[in-house]
Amino acid sequence: MAMFENLSERLSQSLKKISGKASLSEANIEETLREVRMALLEADVALPVVKDFVELVKERARWVKRLIVALTQVSNS
């Protein structure tokens, strides 16, 4: 049980850091994913699962970043 609480706490801390940022940058995304990767590995999640998960989240974060930029451009027009 403690392992899940620790994992939950570490993931929550990582997400709080990035949610307080004014905008998403590659550096923000990479830093947060590095923390998530370490938390999952320390919780004994299998490496292939961690790699797949991190890659999926990275792709979606980049998509969200592009969407925000596009919406900002449209609203400024």
C-alpha atoms as a PDB file:
ATOM      1  CA  MET A   1       0.000   0.000   0.000  1.00  0.00           C
ATOM      2  CA  ALA A   2       2.820   2.408   0.846  1.00  0.00           C
ATOM      3  CA  MET A   3       4.322   1.897  -2.614  1.00  0.00           C
ATOM      4  CA  PHE A   4       1.087   3.069  -4.278  1.00  0.00           C
ATOM      5  CA  GLU A   5       0.808   6.050  -1.937  1.00  0.00           C
ATOM      6  CA  ASN A   6       4.399   7.031  -2.705  1.00  0.00           C
ATOM      7  CA  LEU A   7       3.822   6.652  -6.453  1.00  0.00           C
ATOM      8  CA  SER A   8       0.599   8.650  -6.264  1.00  0.00           C
ATOM      9  CA  GLU A   9       2.292  11.423  -4.295  1.00  0.00           C
ATOM     10  CA  ARG A  10       5.249  11.655  -6.683  1.00  0.00           C
ATOM     11  CA  LEU A  11       3.016  11.735  -9.749  1.00  0.00           C
ATOM     12  CA  SER A  12       0.808  14.385  -8.157  1.00  0.00           C
ATOM     13  CA  GLN A  13       3.842  16.543  -7.354  1.00  0.00           C
ATOM     14  CA  SER A  14       5.103  16.252 -10.930  1.00  0.00           C
ATOM     15  CA  LEU A  15       1.732  17.264 -12.362  1.00  0.00           C
ATOM     16  CA  LYS A  16       1.378  20.187  -9.946  1.00  0.00           C
ATOM     17  CA  LYS A  17       4.718  21.570 -11.121  1.00  0.00           C
ATOM     18  CA  ILE A  18       3.730  21.564 -14.782  1.00  0.00           C
ATOM     19  CA  SER A  19       0.175  22.783 -14.196  1.00  0.00           C
ATOM     20  CA  GLY A  20       1.525  25.959 -12.593  1.00  0.00           C
ATOM     21  CA  LYS A  21       3.428  26.927 -15.741  1.00  0.00           C
ATOM     22  CA  ALA A  22       2.146  29.695 -17.993  1.00  0.00           C
ATOM     23  CA  SER A  23       2.858  27.618 -21.098  1.00  0.00           C
ATOM     24  CA  LEU A  24       4.082  24.185 -22.061  1.00  0.00           C
ATOM     25  CA  SER A  25       7.632  24.041 -23.342  1.00  0.00           C
ATOM     26  CA  GLU A  26       9.719  21.083 -24.439  1.00  0.00           C
ATOM     27  CA  ALA A  27      11.793  21.572 -21.299  1.00  0.00           C
ATOM     28  CA  ASN A  28       8.664  21.473 -19.084  1.00  0.00           C
ATOM     29  CA  ILE A  29       7.453  18.329 -20.795  1.00  0.00           C
ATOM     30  CA  GLU A  30      10.832  16.571 -20.620  1.00  0.00           C
ATOM     31  CA  GLU A  31      11.409  17.494 -16.953  1.00  0.00           C
ATOM     32  CA  THR A  32       7.978  16.276 -15.912  1.00  0.00           C
ATOM     33  CA  LEU A  33       8.278  13.057 -17.899  1.00  0.00           C
ATOM     34  CA  ARG A  34      11.706  12.393 -16.378  1.00  0.00           C
ATOM     35  CA  GLU A  35      10.144  12.647 -12.900  1.00  0.00           C
ATOM     36  CA  VAL A  36       7.228  10.414 -13.931  1.00  0.00           C
ATOM     37  CA  ARG A  37       9.611   7.867 -15.471  1.00  0.00           C
ATOM     38  CA  MET A  38      11.693   7.707 -12.279  1.00  0.00           C
ATOM     39  CA  ALA A  39       8.613   7.381 -10.067  1.00  0.00           C
ATOM     40  CA  LEU A  40       7.263   4.509 -12.160  1.00  0.00           C
ATOM     41  CA  LEU A  41      10.606   2.703 -12.259  1.00  0.00           C
ATOM     42  CA  GLU A  42      11.057   3.080  -8.504  1.00  0.00           C
ATOM     43  CA  ALA A  43       7.582   1.568  -8.095  1.00  0.00           C
ATOM     44  CA  ASP A  44       8.843  -1.495 -10.007  1.00  0.00           C
ATOM     45  CA  VAL A  45       6.748  -0.892 -13.105  1.00  0.00           C
ATOM     46  CA  ALA A  46       8.199  -2.901 -16.006  1.00  0.00           C
ATOM     47  CA  LEU A  47      10.575  -0.912 -18.222  1.00  0.00           C
ATOM     48  CA  PRO A  48       8.670  -1.596 -21.492  1.00  0.00           C
ATOM     49  CA  VAL A  49       5.466  -0.354 -19.855  1.00  0.00           C
ATOM     50  CA  VAL A  50       7.219   2.787 -18.592  1.00  0.00           C
ATOM     51  CA  LYS A  51       8.716   3.495 -22.012  1.00  0.00           C
ATOM     52  CA  ASP A  52       5.380   3.047 -23.798  1.00  0.00           C
ATOM     53  CA  PHE A  53       3.536   5.170 -21.255  1.00  0.00           C
ATOM     54  CA  VAL A  54       6.079   7.992 -21.323  1.00  0.00           C
ATOM     55  CA  GLU A  55       6.098   8.042 -25.128  1.00  0.00           C
ATOM     56  CA  LEU A  56       2.295   8.174 -25.257  1.00  0.00           C
ATOM     57  CA  VAL A  57       2.157  11.019 -22.744  1.00  0.00           C
ATOM     58  CA  LYS A  58       4.918  12.889 -24.602  1.00  0.00           C
ATOM     59  CA  GLU A  59       2.995  12.654 -27.887  1.00  0.00           C
ATOM     60  CA  ARG A  60      -0.205  13.884 -26.267  1.00  0.00           C
ATOM     61  CA  ALA A  61       1.553  16.730 -24.438  1.00  0.00           C
ATOM     62  CA  ARG A  62       3.054  17.919 -27.710  1.00  0.00           C
ATOM     63  CA  TRP A  63      -0.381  17.705 -29.359  1.00  0.00           C
ATOM     64  CA  VAL A  64      -1.895  19.793 -26.556  1.00  0.00           C
ATOM     65  CA  LYS A  65       0.932  22.306 -26.898  1.00  0.00           C
ATOM     66  CA  ARG A  66       0.259  22.655 -30.643  1.00  0.00           C
ATOM     67  CA  LEU A  67      -3.486  22.974 -29.990  1.00  0.00           C
ATOM     68  CA  ILE A  68      -2.935  25.760 -27.457  1.00  0.00           C
ATOM     69  CA  VAL A  69      -0.690  27.631 -29.890  1.00  0.00           C
ATOM     70  CA  ALA A  70      -3.248  27.287 -32.683  1.00  0.00           C
ATOM     71  CA  LEU A  71      -6.133  28.428 -30.477  1.00  0.00           C
ATOM     72  CA  THR A  72      -4.091  31.392 -29.274  1.00  0.00           C
ATOM     73  CA  GLN A  73      -3.339  32.405 -32.845  1.00  0.00           C
ATOM     74  CA  VAL A  74      -6.996  32.140 -33.835  1.00  0.00           C
ATOM     75  CA  SER A  75      -8.176  34.159 -30.839  1.00  0.00           C
ATOM     76  CA  ASN A  76      -5.576  36.871 -31.545  1.00  0.00           C
ATOM     77  CA  SER A  77      -6.712  37.220 -35.171  1.00  0.00           C
END
